[in-house]
């Protein structure tokens, strides 16, 4: 009975995702609008002063230990920070799974960070992952991830793109997007990486 109630609640989350704009404050909305306006006038750059997430050790939702080396195998990694209570986060995850499959051959990977899961096999996180059908890696919150970046996150979902060295590519994005909008963001950043290498 308990499991059935959880599935019902998760279904309600997905339905509510269509009605809700995001899991953030009005101040975060304003910052997002300002960032979008700035992005329209600025070209996408690769930040090489320091790695976005620094050195870290955490585990995936299934308990496998990972470090910042998780970024080394892809030309571009989309890091999507989400929470189990965030319906816009959950609603975009199936689209992110599709993108991860379609862009794998182009050297693009997607990694999720579950901002409210603190141990492997967190029941709520596992349920969302199963419900949405995502198969890209899901990392749980760790002290190092918090100290290096997560403490700066004001809203979920928040998405950061990094290169194989962990350097940020373009601006941090707050809020959910549809599949076409994410593809446009990915293409822009792939182009920036190509330009940076020339």
C-alpha atoms as a PDB file:
ATOM      1  CA  UNK A   1       0.000   0.000   0.000  1.00  0.00           C
ATOM      2  CA  UNK A   2       2.843   2.357   0.907  1.00  0.00           C
ATOM      3  CA  UNK A   3       4.509   1.777  -2.473  1.00  0.00           C
ATOM      4  CA  UNK A   4       1.249   2.484  -4.299  1.00  0.00           C
ATOM      5  CA  UNK A   5       0.885   5.773  -2.404  1.00  0.00           C
ATOM      6  CA  UNK A   6       4.410   6.796  -3.413  1.00  0.00           C
ATOM      7  CA  UNK A   7       3.678   6.112  -7.081  1.00  0.00           C
ATOM      8  CA  UNK A   8       0.509   8.182  -6.770  1.00  0.00           C
ATOM      9  CA  UNK A   9       2.474  11.074  -5.234  1.00  0.00           C
ATOM     10  CA  UNK A  10       5.137  10.878  -7.968  1.00  0.00           C
ATOM     11  CA  UNK A  11       2.423  10.925 -10.639  1.00  0.00           C
ATOM     12  CA  UNK A  12       1.009  14.040  -9.004  1.00  0.00           C
ATOM     13  CA  UNK A  13       4.478  15.619  -9.145  1.00  0.00           C
ATOM     14  CA  UNK A  14       4.697  15.035 -12.873  1.00  0.00           C
ATOM     15  CA  UNK A  15       1.225  16.463 -13.408  1.00  0.00           C
ATOM     16  CA  UNK A  16       2.022  19.490 -11.276  1.00  0.00           C
ATOM     17  CA  UNK A  17       5.190  20.024 -13.310  1.00  0.00           C
ATOM     18  CA  UNK A  18       3.055  21.138 -16.209  1.00  0.00           C
ATOM     19  CA  UNK A  19       1.454  23.795 -14.023  1.00  0.00           C
ATOM     20  CA  UNK A  20       4.466  25.066 -12.097  1.00  0.00           C
ATOM     21  CA  UNK A  21       7.200  27.252 -13.517  1.00  0.00           C
ATOM     22  CA  UNK A  22      10.078  26.243 -11.274  1.00  0.00           C
ATOM     23  CA  UNK A  23      11.324  25.599  -7.768  1.00  0.00           C
ATOM     24  CA  UNK A  24      12.865  28.959  -7.053  1.00  0.00           C
ATOM     25  CA  UNK A  25      12.239  32.298  -5.430  1.00  0.00           C
ATOM     26  CA  UNK A  26      11.258  35.569  -7.131  1.00  0.00           C
ATOM     27  CA  UNK A  27      14.822  36.800  -6.581  1.00  0.00           C
ATOM     28  CA  UNK A  28      16.158  33.725  -8.369  1.00  0.00           C
ATOM     29  CA  UNK A  29      13.682  34.363 -11.210  1.00  0.00           C
ATOM     30  CA  UNK A  30      15.053  37.891 -11.582  1.00  0.00           C
ATOM     31  CA  UNK A  31      18.654  36.640 -11.591  1.00  0.00           C
ATOM     32  CA  UNK A  32      17.742  34.079 -14.230  1.00  0.00           C
ATOM     33  CA  UNK A  33      16.219  36.790 -16.441  1.00  0.00           C
ATOM     34  CA  UNK A  34      19.305  38.969 -16.006  1.00  0.00           C
ATOM     35  CA  UNK A  35      21.585  36.022 -16.870  1.00  0.00           C
ATOM     36  CA  UNK A  36      19.526  35.249 -19.982  1.00  0.00           C
ATOM     37  CA  UNK A  37      19.747  38.872 -21.109  1.00  0.00           C
ATOM     38  CA  UNK A  38      23.498  38.896 -20.520  1.00  0.00           C
ATOM     39  CA  UNK A  39      23.914  35.634 -22.392  1.00  0.00           C
ATOM     40  CA  UNK A  40      22.219  37.089 -25.466  1.00  0.00           C
ATOM     41  CA  UNK A  41      24.908  39.766 -25.707  1.00  0.00           C
ATOM     42  CA  UNK A  42      27.933  37.668 -24.692  1.00  0.00           C
ATOM     43  CA  UNK A  43      29.539  34.778 -26.462  1.00  0.00           C
ATOM     44  CA  UNK A  44      29.876  31.472 -24.647  1.00  0.00           C
ATOM     45  CA  UNK A  45      33.313  31.119 -23.073  1.00  0.00           C
ATOM     46  CA  UNK A  46      35.260  28.318 -21.447  1.00  0.00           C
ATOM     47  CA  UNK A  47      36.199  29.381 -17.907  1.00  0.00           C
ATOM     48  CA  UNK A  48      39.753  28.156 -17.330  1.00  0.00           C
ATOM     49  CA  UNK A  49      40.639  29.870 -14.062  1.00  0.00           C
ATOM     50  CA  UNK A  50      39.425  26.964 -11.950  1.00  0.00           C
ATOM     51  CA  UNK A  51      37.348  23.841 -12.312  1.00  0.00           C
ATOM     52  CA  UNK A  52      33.669  24.319 -11.559  1.00  0.00           C
ATOM     53  CA  UNK A  53      33.316  21.461  -9.076  1.00  0.00           C
ATOM     54  CA  UNK A  54      36.941  21.176  -7.936  1.00  0.00           C
ATOM     55  CA  UNK A  55      38.122  17.874  -6.530  1.00  0.00           C
ATOM     56  CA  UNK A  56      35.396  15.764  -5.017  1.00  0.00           C
ATOM     57  CA  UNK A  57      34.481  12.262  -3.992  1.00  0.00           C
ATOM     58  CA  UNK A  58      30.880  11.121  -3.881  1.00  0.00           C
ATOM     59  CA  UNK A  59      28.824   8.115  -4.898  1.00  0.00           C
ATOM     60  CA  UNK A  60      26.216   7.436  -7.503  1.00  0.00           C
ATOM     61  CA  UNK A  61      22.702   6.615  -6.374  1.00  0.00           C
ATOM     62  CA  UNK A  62      23.601   2.900  -6.591  1.00  0.00           C
ATOM     63  CA  UNK A  63      26.645   3.348  -4.310  1.00  0.00           C
ATOM     64  CA  UNK A  64      29.516   3.447  -6.840  1.00  0.00           C
ATOM     65  CA  UNK A  65      32.259   5.880  -5.810  1.00  0.00           C
ATOM     66  CA  UNK A  66      33.073   8.637  -8.310  1.00  0.00           C
ATOM     67  CA  UNK A  67      35.391  11.634  -8.461  1.00  0.00           C
ATOM     68  CA  UNK A  68      35.765  14.627 -10.760  1.00  0.00           C
ATOM     69  CA  UNK A  69      37.200  12.142 -13.291  1.00  0.00           C
ATOM     70  CA  UNK A  70      33.575  11.456 -14.265  1.00  0.00           C
ATOM     71  CA  UNK A  71      33.944  14.431 -16.639  1.00  0.00           C
ATOM     72  CA  UNK A  72      37.098  13.144 -18.369  1.00  0.00           C
ATOM     73  CA  UNK A  73      35.413  10.795 -20.836  1.00  0.00           C
ATOM     74  CA  UNK A  74      33.204  13.413 -22.527  1.00  0.00           C
ATOM     75  CA  UNK A  75      34.011  16.495 -24.547  1.00  0.00           C
ATOM     76  CA  UNK A  76      31.095  18.292 -22.851  1.00  0.00           C
ATOM     77  CA  UNK A  77      29.162  17.248 -19.742  1.00  0.00           C
ATOM     78  CA  UNK A  78      25.809  18.716 -18.791  1.00  0.00           C
ATOM     79  CA  UNK A  79      25.485  18.647 -14.992  1.00  0.00           C
ATOM     80  CA  UNK A  80      21.825  18.912 -13.982  1.00  0.00           C
ATOM     81  CA  UNK A  81      21.227  19.627 -10.286  1.00  0.00           C
ATOM     82  CA  UNK A  82      17.744  18.598  -9.214  1.00  0.00           C
ATOM     83  CA  UNK A  83      15.648  17.657  -6.184  1.00  0.00           C
ATOM     84  CA  UNK A  84      13.074  14.977  -5.545  1.00  0.00           C
ATOM     85  CA  UNK A  85      10.445  17.574  -4.538  1.00  0.00           C
ATOM     86  CA  UNK A  86      10.895  19.682  -7.700  1.00  0.00           C
ATOM     87  CA  UNK A  87       8.267  18.939 -10.348  1.00  0.00           C
ATOM     88  CA  UNK A  88       9.944  20.999 -13.142  1.00  0.00           C
ATOM     89  CA  UNK A  89      13.140  19.024 -12.467  1.00  0.00           C
ATOM     90  CA  UNK A  90      11.293  15.736 -12.771  1.00  0.00           C
ATOM     91  CA  UNK A  91       9.345  16.741 -15.879  1.00  0.00           C
ATOM     92  CA  UNK A  92      12.492  17.518 -17.901  1.00  0.00           C
ATOM     93  CA  UNK A  93      14.386  14.360 -16.947  1.00  0.00           C
ATOM     94  CA  UNK A  94      12.921  12.085 -19.661  1.00  0.00           C
ATOM     95  CA  UNK A  95      13.984  14.681 -22.265  1.00  0.00           C
ATOM     96  CA  UNK A  96      17.477  14.757 -20.780  1.00  0.00           C
ATOM     97  CA  UNK A  97      17.639  10.974 -21.098  1.00  0.00           C
ATOM     98  CA  UNK A  98      16.737  11.257 -24.787  1.00  0.00           C
ATOM     99  CA  UNK A  99      19.423  13.910 -25.287  1.00  0.00           C
ATOM    100  CA  UNK A 100      22.021  11.769 -23.497  1.00  0.00           C
ATOM    101  CA  UNK A 101      21.341   8.954 -25.973  1.00  0.00           C
ATOM    102  CA  UNK A 102      21.227  11.183 -29.052  1.00  0.00           C
ATOM    103  CA  UNK A 103      24.391  13.147 -28.215  1.00  0.00           C
ATOM    104  CA  UNK A 104      26.604  10.378 -26.828  1.00  0.00           C
ATOM    105  CA  UNK A 105      28.375   9.940 -30.176  1.00  0.00           C
ATOM    106  CA  UNK A 106      29.106  13.692 -30.267  1.00  0.00           C
ATOM    107  CA  UNK A 107      31.022  13.423 -26.998  1.00  0.00           C
ATOM    108  CA  UNK A 108      28.273  14.851 -24.785  1.00  0.00           C
ATOM    109  CA  UNK A 109      27.373  13.297 -21.435  1.00  0.00           C
ATOM    110  CA  UNK A 110      24.760  14.161 -18.841  1.00  0.00           C
ATOM    111  CA  UNK A 111      25.224  13.765 -15.102  1.00  0.00           C
ATOM    112  CA  UNK A 112      22.568  14.452 -12.478  1.00  0.00           C
ATOM    113  CA  UNK A 113      23.282  15.655  -8.952  1.00  0.00           C
ATOM    114  CA  UNK A 114      20.438  14.995  -6.518  1.00  0.00           C
ATOM    115  CA  UNK A 115      20.580  17.964  -4.170  1.00  0.00           C
ATOM    116  CA  UNK A 116      18.409  16.403  -1.471  1.00  0.00           C
ATOM    117  CA  UNK A 117      19.807  12.840  -1.442  1.00  0.00           C
ATOM    118  CA  UNK A 118      22.576  12.273   1.082  1.00  0.00           C
ATOM    119  CA  UNK A 119      23.089   8.533   0.862  1.00  0.00           C
ATOM    120  CA  UNK A 120      23.087   5.855  -1.797  1.00  0.00           C
ATOM    121  CA  UNK A 121      19.781   4.167  -2.598  1.00  0.00           C
ATOM    122  CA  UNK A 122      17.748   7.104  -1.240  1.00  0.00           C
ATOM    123  CA  UNK A 123      14.154   5.862  -1.664  1.00  0.00           C
ATOM    124  CA  UNK A 124      12.675   9.093  -3.012  1.00  0.00           C
ATOM    125  CA  UNK A 125      15.486   9.583  -5.511  1.00  0.00           C
ATOM    126  CA  UNK A 126      15.365   5.965  -6.689  1.00  0.00           C
ATOM    127  CA  UNK A 127      11.629   6.271  -7.198  1.00  0.00           C
ATOM    128  CA  UNK A 128      11.983   9.422  -9.326  1.00  0.00           C
ATOM    129  CA  UNK A 129      14.767   7.842 -11.387  1.00  0.00           C
ATOM    130  CA  UNK A 130      12.680   4.745 -12.037  1.00  0.00           C
ATOM    131  CA  UNK A 131       9.568   6.784 -12.830  1.00  0.00           C
ATOM    132  CA  UNK A 132      11.366   9.033 -15.336  1.00  0.00           C
ATOM    133  CA  UNK A 133      13.433   6.231 -16.891  1.00  0.00           C
ATOM    134  CA  UNK A 134      16.760   8.070 -16.711  1.00  0.00           C
ATOM    135  CA  UNK A 135      19.915   6.017 -17.032  1.00  0.00           C
ATOM    136  CA  UNK A 136      22.614   8.679 -17.042  1.00  0.00           C
ATOM    137  CA  UNK A 137      24.700   8.830 -13.814  1.00  0.00           C
ATOM    138  CA  UNK A 138      23.034  10.305 -10.729  1.00  0.00           C
ATOM    139  CA  UNK A 139      25.349  11.590  -8.013  1.00  0.00           C
ATOM    140  CA  UNK A 140      24.316  12.138  -4.434  1.00  0.00           C
ATOM    141  CA  UNK A 141      25.052  15.233  -2.378  1.00  0.00           C
ATOM    142  CA  UNK A 142      28.464  15.201  -0.669  1.00  0.00           C
ATOM    143  CA  UNK A 143      30.346  17.627   1.538  1.00  0.00           C
ATOM    144  CA  UNK A 144      32.922  18.301  -1.182  1.00  0.00           C
ATOM    145  CA  UNK A 145      30.252  18.969  -3.826  1.00  0.00           C
ATOM    146  CA  UNK A 146      28.488  21.288  -1.389  1.00  0.00           C
ATOM    147  CA  UNK A 147      31.649  23.196  -0.490  1.00  0.00           C
ATOM    148  CA  UNK A 148      32.818  23.502  -4.101  1.00  0.00           C
ATOM    149  CA  UNK A 149      29.555  24.470  -5.805  1.00  0.00           C
ATOM    150  CA  UNK A 150      26.211  23.322  -4.395  1.00  0.00           C
ATOM    151  CA  UNK A 151      26.182  25.989  -1.661  1.00  0.00           C
ATOM    152  CA  UNK A 152      25.873  28.566  -4.469  1.00  0.00           C
ATOM    153  CA  UNK A 153      22.785  26.937  -6.001  1.00  0.00           C
ATOM    154  CA  UNK A 154      19.726  29.089  -5.299  1.00  0.00           C
ATOM    155  CA  UNK A 155      17.117  27.088  -7.196  1.00  0.00           C
ATOM    156  CA  UNK A 156      16.525  23.724  -8.780  1.00  0.00           C
ATOM    157  CA  UNK A 157      16.945  22.715 -11.449  1.00  0.00           C
ATOM    158  CA  UNK A 158      20.298  24.408 -12.002  1.00  0.00           C
ATOM    159  CA  UNK A 159      22.465  23.261 -14.880  1.00  0.00           C
ATOM    160  CA  UNK A 160      26.180  23.721 -15.512  1.00  0.00           C
ATOM    161  CA  UNK A 161      28.165  22.603 -18.551  1.00  0.00           C
ATOM    162  CA  UNK A 162      31.806  21.553 -18.117  1.00  0.00           C
ATOM    163  CA  UNK A 163      34.524  20.289 -20.425  1.00  0.00           C
ATOM    164  CA  UNK A 164      36.639  17.166 -19.893  1.00  0.00           C
ATOM    165  CA  UNK A 165      38.826  19.051 -17.385  1.00  0.00           C
ATOM    166  CA  UNK A 166      35.841  20.247 -15.353  1.00  0.00           C
ATOM    167  CA  UNK A 167      36.097  23.842 -16.598  1.00  0.00           C
ATOM    168  CA  UNK A 168      32.757  25.599 -16.958  1.00  0.00           C
ATOM    169  CA  UNK A 169      31.550  26.233 -20.507  1.00  0.00           C
ATOM    170  CA  UNK A 170      29.160  29.189 -20.681  1.00  0.00           C
ATOM    171  CA  UNK A 171      26.869  30.496 -17.978  1.00  0.00           C
ATOM    172  CA  UNK A 172      25.114  28.569 -15.232  1.00  0.00           C
ATOM    173  CA  UNK A 173      21.439  28.085 -16.127  1.00  0.00           C
ATOM    174  CA  UNK A 174      18.635  28.185 -13.559  1.00  0.00           C
ATOM    175  CA  UNK A 175      15.299  26.633 -14.405  1.00  0.00           C
ATOM    176  CA  UNK A 176      13.945  23.880 -16.617  1.00  0.00           C
ATOM    177  CA  UNK A 177      13.910  23.915 -20.432  1.00  0.00           C
ATOM    178  CA  UNK A 178      12.274  21.826 -23.103  1.00  0.00           C
ATOM    179  CA  UNK A 179      14.262  19.416 -25.239  1.00  0.00           C
ATOM    180  CA  UNK A 180      14.801  21.783 -28.168  1.00  0.00           C
ATOM    181  CA  UNK A 181      16.060  24.552 -25.884  1.00  0.00           C
ATOM    182  CA  UNK A 182      18.552  22.192 -24.214  1.00  0.00           C
ATOM    183  CA  UNK A 183      19.775  21.004 -27.601  1.00  0.00           C
ATOM    184  CA  UNK A 184      20.367  24.629 -28.607  1.00  0.00           C
ATOM    185  CA  UNK A 185      22.381  25.194 -25.399  1.00  0.00           C
ATOM    186  CA  UNK A 186      24.451  22.074 -26.064  1.00  0.00           C
ATOM    187  CA  UNK A 187      25.154  23.006 -29.693  1.00  0.00           C
ATOM    188  CA  UNK A 188      26.259  26.508 -28.673  1.00  0.00           C
ATOM    189  CA  UNK A 189      28.664  25.097 -26.115  1.00  0.00           C
ATOM    190  CA  UNK A 190      30.052  22.456 -28.476  1.00  0.00           C
ATOM    191  CA  UNK A 191      30.773  25.257 -30.922  1.00  0.00           C
ATOM    192  CA  UNK A 192      32.486  27.276 -28.181  1.00  0.00           C
ATOM    193  CA  UNK A 193      34.706  24.292 -27.346  1.00  0.00           C
ATOM    194  CA  UNK A 194      35.638  23.884 -31.017  1.00  0.00           C
ATOM    195  CA  UNK A 195      36.458  27.601 -31.311  1.00  0.00           C
ATOM    196  CA  UNK A 196      38.492  27.452 -28.095  1.00  0.00           C
ATOM    197  CA  UNK A 197      40.639  24.631 -29.490  1.00  0.00           C
ATOM    198  CA  UNK A 198      41.453  26.479 -32.734  1.00  0.00           C
END
